[in-house]
Amino acid sequence: MTIWLSVYANYTESTYLLTSFFIEPEIILRIDPSVEYDREVIEREVSKSMGMVDSYLKKFDKPNVEVRIEVFIKKNVDNSFHGELHANANGRVIVFKREAFMDLHDLIHHAFQHLKEQLAAK
């Protein structure tokens, strides 16, 4: 797995290229400074959750097909988490947004579960 880190306007971004695919899906983490101390947990949970959807992404495993998954995480004032997952698989857009999740693991798992269900639907 290759990781790139860069900073964009209050977010630190990590990009992962998972080399098990011909198309190498691009995973971008946009982590708000309010959850920077949870970065390792977020990276680990996203990596684990990719295993949940990798078989569904294989149908996009063709030359010149791009798969991009962006995960946005921030912490709310009440210490709950706000998360978004935006996926673009060869022009097909899937969006998941949730606020007020108290458990970061659950938020990430639910986002990828939603992605899996949407990919399976077609």
N, C-alpha and C. Protein backbone atom coordinates (compact mmCIF):
# COMPACT_ATOMS: atom_id res chain seq x y z
N MET A 1 0.85 -1.16 0.00
CA MET A 1 0.00 0.00 0.00
C MET A 1 0.90 1.23 0.00
N THR A 2 0.60 2.18 -0.87
CA THR A 2 1.34 3.42 -0.96
C THR A 2 0.52 4.52 -0.31
N ILE A 3 1.19 5.38 0.45
CA ILE A 3 0.48 6.46 1.15
C ILE A 3 1.09 7.80 0.75
N TRP A 4 0.23 8.74 0.40
CA TRP A 4 0.65 10.12 0.19
C TRP A 4 -0.04 10.99 1.23
N LEU A 5 0.67 11.91 1.81
CA LEU A 5 0.08 12.83 2.77
C LEU A 5 0.25 14.26 2.27
N SER A 6 -0.79 15.03 2.38
CA SER A 6 -0.70 16.44 2.06
C SER A 6 -1.77 17.18 2.86
N VAL A 7 -1.65 18.50 2.92
CA VAL A 7 -2.59 19.29 3.73
C VAL A 7 -3.39 20.19 2.80
N TYR A 8 -4.71 20.18 2.97
CA TYR A 8 -5.61 21.03 2.20
C TYR A 8 -6.53 21.75 3.17
N ALA A 9 -6.39 23.01 3.35
CA ALA A 9 -7.32 23.86 4.10
C ALA A 9 -7.95 23.16 5.30
N ASN A 10 -7.22 23.01 6.34
CA ASN A 10 -7.68 22.44 7.61
C ASN A 10 -7.88 20.94 7.60
N TYR A 11 -7.63 20.28 6.49
CA TYR A 11 -7.75 18.83 6.44
C TYR A 11 -6.38 18.25 6.10
N THR A 12 -6.07 17.14 6.71
CA THR A 12 -4.90 16.39 6.30
C THR A 12 -5.43 15.25 5.44
N GLU A 13 -4.81 15.05 4.32
CA GLU A 13 -5.31 14.07 3.37
C GLU A 13 -4.32 12.92 3.24
N SER A 14 -4.82 11.72 3.28
CA SER A 14 -4.03 10.53 3.01
C SER A 14 -4.62 9.86 1.79
N THR A 15 -3.79 9.47 0.88
CA THR A 15 -4.25 8.76 -0.30
C THR A 15 -3.61 7.39 -0.31
N TYR A 16 -4.42 6.37 -0.46
CA TYR A 16 -3.93 5.00 -0.50
C TYR A 16 -4.21 4.42 -1.88
N LEU A 17 -3.25 3.78 -2.44
CA LEU A 17 -3.49 3.00 -3.64
C LEU A 17 -3.37 1.54 -3.25
N LEU A 18 -4.45 0.81 -3.38
CA LEU A 18 -4.43 -0.60 -3.02
C LEU A 18 -3.99 -1.39 -4.25
N THR A 19 -2.85 -2.03 -4.15
CA THR A 19 -2.22 -2.63 -5.32
C THR A 19 -2.78 -3.99 -5.70
N SER A 20 -3.79 -4.49 -4.98
CA SER A 20 -4.36 -5.78 -5.33
C SER A 20 -5.30 -5.69 -6.53
N PHE A 21 -5.58 -4.49 -7.02
CA PHE A 21 -6.47 -4.30 -8.15
C PHE A 21 -5.69 -3.85 -9.37
N PHE A 22 -6.17 -4.24 -10.53
CA PHE A 22 -5.62 -3.74 -11.78
C PHE A 22 -5.84 -2.23 -11.86
N ILE A 23 -7.01 -1.78 -11.41
CA ILE A 23 -7.36 -0.37 -11.51
C ILE A 23 -6.83 0.47 -10.36
N GLU A 24 -6.36 -0.17 -9.29
CA GLU A 24 -5.84 0.53 -8.12
C GLU A 24 -6.78 1.64 -7.65
N PRO A 25 -7.84 1.28 -6.93
CA PRO A 25 -8.76 2.30 -6.42
C PRO A 25 -8.02 3.33 -5.57
N GLU A 26 -8.41 4.55 -5.69
CA GLU A 26 -7.80 5.63 -4.93
C GLU A 26 -8.66 5.90 -3.70
N ILE A 27 -8.04 5.82 -2.52
CA ILE A 27 -8.73 6.07 -1.26
C ILE A 27 -8.16 7.36 -0.69
N ILE A 28 -9.01 8.34 -0.46
CA ILE A 28 -8.58 9.63 0.06
C ILE A 28 -9.26 9.85 1.41
N LEU A 29 -8.46 10.08 2.42
CA LEU A 29 -8.98 10.39 3.75
C LEU A 29 -8.83 11.88 3.99
N ARG A 30 -9.92 12.53 4.29
CA ARG A 30 -9.91 13.95 4.64
C ARG A 30 -10.28 14.03 6.11
N ILE A 31 -9.27 14.21 6.92
CA ILE A 31 -9.43 14.16 8.38
C ILE A 31 -9.33 15.56 8.95
N ASP A 32 -10.41 15.99 9.58
CA ASP A 32 -10.46 17.30 10.22
C ASP A 32 -9.46 17.33 11.38
N PRO A 33 -8.87 18.48 11.67
CA PRO A 33 -7.94 18.57 12.81
C PRO A 33 -8.56 18.11 14.14
N SER A 34 -9.87 18.17 14.26
CA SER A 34 -10.53 17.75 15.49
C SER A 34 -10.40 16.25 15.75
N VAL A 35 -10.04 15.47 14.75
CA VAL A 35 -9.86 14.02 14.92
C VAL A 35 -8.48 13.56 14.49
N GLU A 36 -7.56 14.48 14.37
CA GLU A 36 -6.21 14.12 13.93
C GLU A 36 -5.58 13.06 14.84
N TYR A 37 -5.86 13.12 16.13
CA TYR A 37 -5.28 12.14 17.07
C TYR A 37 -5.87 10.74 16.85
N ASP A 38 -6.96 10.62 16.11
CA ASP A 38 -7.55 9.33 15.78
C ASP A 38 -7.13 8.84 14.39
N ARG A 39 -6.15 9.48 13.78
CA ARG A 39 -5.73 9.16 12.41
C ARG A 39 -5.43 7.67 12.24
N GLU A 40 -4.65 7.09 13.14
CA GLU A 40 -4.28 5.67 13.00
C GLU A 40 -5.50 4.77 13.04
N VAL A 41 -6.43 5.08 13.92
CA VAL A 41 -7.66 4.30 14.01
C VAL A 41 -8.45 4.41 12.71
N ILE A 42 -8.57 5.62 12.19
CA ILE A 42 -9.32 5.85 10.96
C ILE A 42 -8.66 5.10 9.80
N GLU A 43 -7.35 5.22 9.67
CA GLU A 43 -6.64 4.53 8.59
C GLU A 43 -6.82 3.01 8.70
N ARG A 44 -6.71 2.48 9.90
CA ARG A 44 -6.86 1.04 10.10
C ARG A 44 -8.28 0.58 9.77
N GLU A 45 -9.28 1.32 10.23
CA GLU A 45 -10.68 0.94 9.99
C GLU A 45 -11.04 1.03 8.50
N VAL A 46 -10.54 2.06 7.82
CA VAL A 46 -10.80 2.18 6.38
C VAL A 46 -10.13 1.03 5.64
N SER A 47 -8.91 0.72 6.01
CA SER A 47 -8.20 -0.39 5.37
C SER A 47 -8.94 -1.71 5.58
N LYS A 48 -9.41 -1.97 6.80
CA LYS A 48 -10.18 -3.17 7.08
C LYS A 48 -11.49 -3.19 6.29
N SER A 49 -12.14 -2.05 6.23
CA SER A 49 -13.44 -1.97 5.56
C SER A 49 -13.32 -2.13 4.04
N MET A 50 -12.17 -1.82 3.48
CA MET A 50 -11.99 -2.03 2.05
C MET A 50 -12.13 -3.50 1.70
N GLY A 51 -11.77 -4.39 2.63
CA GLY A 51 -11.94 -5.81 2.40
C GLY A 51 -13.40 -6.19 2.21
N MET A 52 -14.30 -5.39 2.78
CA MET A 52 -15.73 -5.63 2.68
C MET A 52 -16.25 -5.34 1.27
N VAL A 53 -15.61 -4.42 0.56
CA VAL A 53 -16.12 -3.99 -0.74
C VAL A 53 -15.24 -4.40 -1.92
N ASP A 54 -14.07 -4.96 -1.65
CA ASP A 54 -13.15 -5.21 -2.77
C ASP A 54 -13.72 -6.15 -3.82
N SER A 55 -14.48 -7.17 -3.41
CA SER A 55 -15.05 -8.08 -4.41
C SER A 55 -16.11 -7.37 -5.26
N TYR A 56 -16.80 -6.38 -4.69
CA TYR A 56 -17.80 -5.63 -5.44
C TYR A 56 -17.14 -4.64 -6.40
N LEU A 57 -15.95 -4.19 -6.06
CA LEU A 57 -15.23 -3.27 -6.94
C LEU A 57 -14.58 -3.98 -8.12
N LYS A 58 -14.45 -5.30 -8.03
CA LYS A 58 -13.81 -6.04 -9.12
C LYS A 58 -14.56 -5.93 -10.44
N LYS A 59 -15.86 -5.67 -10.37
CA LYS A 59 -16.60 -5.52 -11.63
C LYS A 59 -16.17 -4.25 -12.39
N PHE A 60 -15.46 -3.37 -11.71
CA PHE A 60 -14.93 -2.17 -12.37
C PHE A 60 -13.48 -2.36 -12.78
N ASP A 61 -12.98 -3.58 -12.64
CA ASP A 61 -11.57 -3.89 -12.91
C ASP A 61 -11.33 -4.03 -14.41
N LYS A 62 -11.32 -2.89 -15.09
CA LYS A 62 -11.11 -2.84 -16.53
C LYS A 62 -10.13 -1.71 -16.83
N PRO A 63 -9.44 -1.78 -17.94
CA PRO A 63 -8.52 -0.70 -18.30
C PRO A 63 -9.27 0.64 -18.41
N ASN A 64 -8.61 1.70 -18.02
CA ASN A 64 -9.12 3.08 -18.12
C ASN A 64 -10.35 3.35 -17.26
N VAL A 65 -10.58 2.54 -16.24
CA VAL A 65 -11.69 2.76 -15.31
C VAL A 65 -11.10 3.28 -14.01
N GLU A 66 -11.67 4.36 -13.50
CA GLU A 66 -11.19 4.94 -12.25
C GLU A 66 -12.19 4.67 -11.13
N VAL A 67 -11.65 4.31 -9.98
CA VAL A 67 -12.45 4.16 -8.77
C VAL A 67 -11.81 5.02 -7.70
N ARG A 68 -12.60 5.93 -7.16
CA ARG A 68 -12.10 6.87 -6.15
C ARG A 68 -13.08 6.87 -4.98
N ILE A 69 -12.54 6.70 -3.77
CA ILE A 69 -13.34 6.71 -2.55
C ILE A 69 -12.76 7.76 -1.62
N GLU A 70 -13.58 8.74 -1.26
CA GLU A 70 -13.16 9.79 -0.33
C GLU A 70 -13.93 9.63 0.97
N VAL A 71 -13.19 9.67 2.08
CA VAL A 71 -13.79 9.55 3.40
C VAL A 71 -13.48 10.84 4.16
N PHE A 72 -14.53 11.51 4.65
CA PHE A 72 -14.41 12.74 5.42
C PHE A 72 -14.82 12.44 6.86
N ILE A 73 -13.98 12.80 7.82
CA ILE A 73 -14.30 12.56 9.23
C ILE A 73 -14.02 13.84 10.02
N LYS A 74 -14.96 14.22 10.89
CA LYS A 74 -14.71 15.31 11.83
C LYS A 74 -15.44 15.02 13.13
N LYS A 75 -15.03 15.69 14.17
CA LYS A 75 -15.65 15.51 15.49
C LYS A 75 -16.57 16.69 15.76
N ASN A 76 -17.77 16.38 16.25
CA ASN A 76 -18.74 17.42 16.59
C ASN A 76 -18.46 17.95 18.00
N VAL A 77 -19.11 19.04 18.34
CA VAL A 77 -18.94 19.68 19.65
C VAL A 77 -19.29 18.74 20.80
N ASP A 78 -20.27 17.86 20.58
CA ASP A 78 -20.70 16.93 21.63
C ASP A 78 -19.86 15.64 21.67
N ASN A 79 -18.70 15.66 21.02
CA ASN A 79 -17.77 14.52 20.93
C ASN A 79 -18.27 13.36 20.08
N SER A 80 -19.35 13.55 19.36
CA SER A 80 -19.78 12.54 18.39
C SER A 80 -19.02 12.81 17.08
N PHE A 81 -19.14 11.89 16.15
CA PHE A 81 -18.41 12.01 14.89
C PHE A 81 -19.37 12.25 13.73
N HIS A 82 -18.91 13.03 12.78
CA HIS A 82 -19.60 13.28 11.52
C HIS A 82 -18.75 12.66 10.43
N GLY A 83 -19.38 11.89 9.55
CA GLY A 83 -18.62 11.26 8.48
C GLY A 83 -19.36 11.26 7.17
N GLU A 84 -18.56 11.29 6.11
CA GLU A 84 -19.11 11.20 4.76
C GLU A 84 -18.22 10.27 3.96
N LEU A 85 -18.84 9.52 3.07
CA LEU A 85 -18.11 8.69 2.13
C LEU A 85 -18.64 9.03 0.75
N HIS A 86 -17.76 9.42 -0.14
CA HIS A 86 -18.12 9.71 -1.52
C HIS A 86 -17.34 8.74 -2.39
N ALA A 87 -18.03 7.96 -3.17
CA ALA A 87 -17.38 7.00 -4.06
C ALA A 87 -17.76 7.31 -5.49
N ASN A 88 -16.79 7.21 -6.37
CA ASN A 88 -17.02 7.37 -7.79
C ASN A 88 -16.38 6.18 -8.48
N ALA A 89 -17.21 5.31 -9.01
CA ALA A 89 -16.73 4.11 -9.69
C ALA A 89 -17.16 4.20 -11.15
N ASN A 90 -16.23 4.61 -11.99
CA ASN A 90 -16.48 4.72 -13.43
C ASN A 90 -17.70 5.60 -13.71
N GLY A 91 -17.81 6.72 -13.01
CA GLY A 91 -18.90 7.66 -13.22
C GLY A 91 -20.12 7.42 -12.34
N ARG A 92 -20.19 6.30 -11.67
CA ARG A 92 -21.29 6.01 -10.75
C ARG A 92 -20.95 6.60 -9.39
N VAL A 93 -21.79 7.50 -8.90
CA VAL A 93 -21.52 8.21 -7.65
C VAL A 93 -22.38 7.63 -6.53
N ILE A 94 -21.72 7.35 -5.40
CA ILE A 94 -22.40 6.84 -4.20
C ILE A 94 -22.00 7.76 -3.05
N VAL A 95 -22.98 8.24 -2.29
CA VAL A 95 -22.71 9.16 -1.18
C VAL A 95 -23.37 8.63 0.09
N PHE A 96 -22.62 8.69 1.19
CA PHE A 96 -23.12 8.30 2.51
C PHE A 96 -22.75 9.42 3.47
N LYS A 97 -23.71 9.93 4.23
CA LYS A 97 -23.45 10.99 5.21
C LYS A 97 -24.16 10.63 6.51
N ARG A 98 -23.43 10.76 7.62
CA ARG A 98 -24.03 10.54 8.92
C ARG A 98 -23.43 11.51 9.93
N GLU A 99 -24.28 11.95 10.84
CA GLU A 99 -23.83 12.81 11.93
C GLU A 99 -24.16 12.13 13.26
N ALA A 100 -23.47 12.55 14.28
CA ALA A 100 -23.76 12.15 15.66
C ALA A 100 -23.56 10.66 15.92
N PHE A 101 -22.54 10.06 15.32
CA PHE A 101 -22.14 8.70 15.67
C PHE A 101 -21.18 8.80 16.84
N MET A 102 -21.45 8.10 17.91
CA MET A 102 -20.56 8.16 19.07
C MET A 102 -19.35 7.27 18.91
N ASP A 103 -19.46 6.22 18.10
CA ASP A 103 -18.37 5.27 17.92
C ASP A 103 -17.78 5.43 16.52
N LEU A 104 -16.52 5.80 16.45
CA LEU A 104 -15.82 6.02 15.18
C LEU A 104 -15.78 4.75 14.35
N HIS A 105 -15.54 3.61 14.99
CA HIS A 105 -15.50 2.32 14.27
C HIS A 105 -16.84 2.05 13.58
N ASP A 106 -17.93 2.28 14.31
CA ASP A 106 -19.26 2.05 13.74
C ASP A 106 -19.54 2.97 12.55
N LEU A 107 -19.13 4.22 12.67
CA LEU A 107 -19.34 5.18 11.59
C LEU A 107 -18.67 4.70 10.31
N ILE A 108 -17.41 4.31 10.41
CA ILE A 108 -16.67 3.87 9.22
C ILE A 108 -17.27 2.57 8.69
N HIS A 109 -17.58 1.64 9.58
CA HIS A 109 -18.16 0.37 9.16
C HIS A 109 -19.49 0.59 8.43
N HIS A 110 -20.35 1.44 8.98
CA HIS A 110 -21.65 1.70 8.36
C HIS A 110 -21.48 2.37 6.99
N ALA A 111 -20.52 3.25 6.86
CA ALA A 111 -20.28 3.91 5.57
C ALA A 111 -19.90 2.87 4.51
N PHE A 112 -18.99 1.98 4.85
CA PHE A 112 -18.56 0.98 3.88
C PHE A 112 -19.63 -0.09 3.66
N GLN A 113 -20.44 -0.37 4.66
CA GLN A 113 -21.57 -1.28 4.48
C GLN A 113 -22.55 -0.70 3.48
N HIS A 114 -22.80 0.60 3.58
CA HIS A 114 -23.67 1.29 2.63
C HIS A 114 -23.08 1.22 1.23
N LEU A 115 -21.79 1.45 1.12
CA LEU A 115 -21.12 1.38 -0.18
C LEU A 115 -21.28 -0.02 -0.77
N LYS A 116 -21.05 -1.03 0.04
CA LYS A 116 -21.18 -2.42 -0.41
C LYS A 116 -22.61 -2.70 -0.92
N GLU A 117 -23.60 -2.27 -0.17
CA GLU A 117 -24.99 -2.49 -0.57
C GLU A 117 -25.31 -1.78 -1.88
N GLN A 118 -24.81 -0.57 -2.04
CA GLN A 118 -25.07 0.17 -3.27
C GLN A 118 -24.37 -0.46 -4.47
N LEU A 119 -23.14 -0.96 -4.26
CA LEU A 119 -22.43 -1.63 -5.35
C LEU A 119 -23.10 -2.94 -5.71
N ALA A 120 -23.65 -3.63 -4.72
CA ALA A 120 -24.31 -4.92 -4.98
C ALA A 120 -25.65 -4.72 -5.71
N ALA A 121 -26.25 -3.55 -5.54
CA ALA A 121 -27.57 -3.30 -6.11
C ALA A 121 -27.54 -3.23 -7.63
N LYS A 122 -26.41 -2.99 -8.21
CA LYS A 122 -26.33 -2.89 -9.67
C LYS A 122 -25.51 -3.98 -10.24
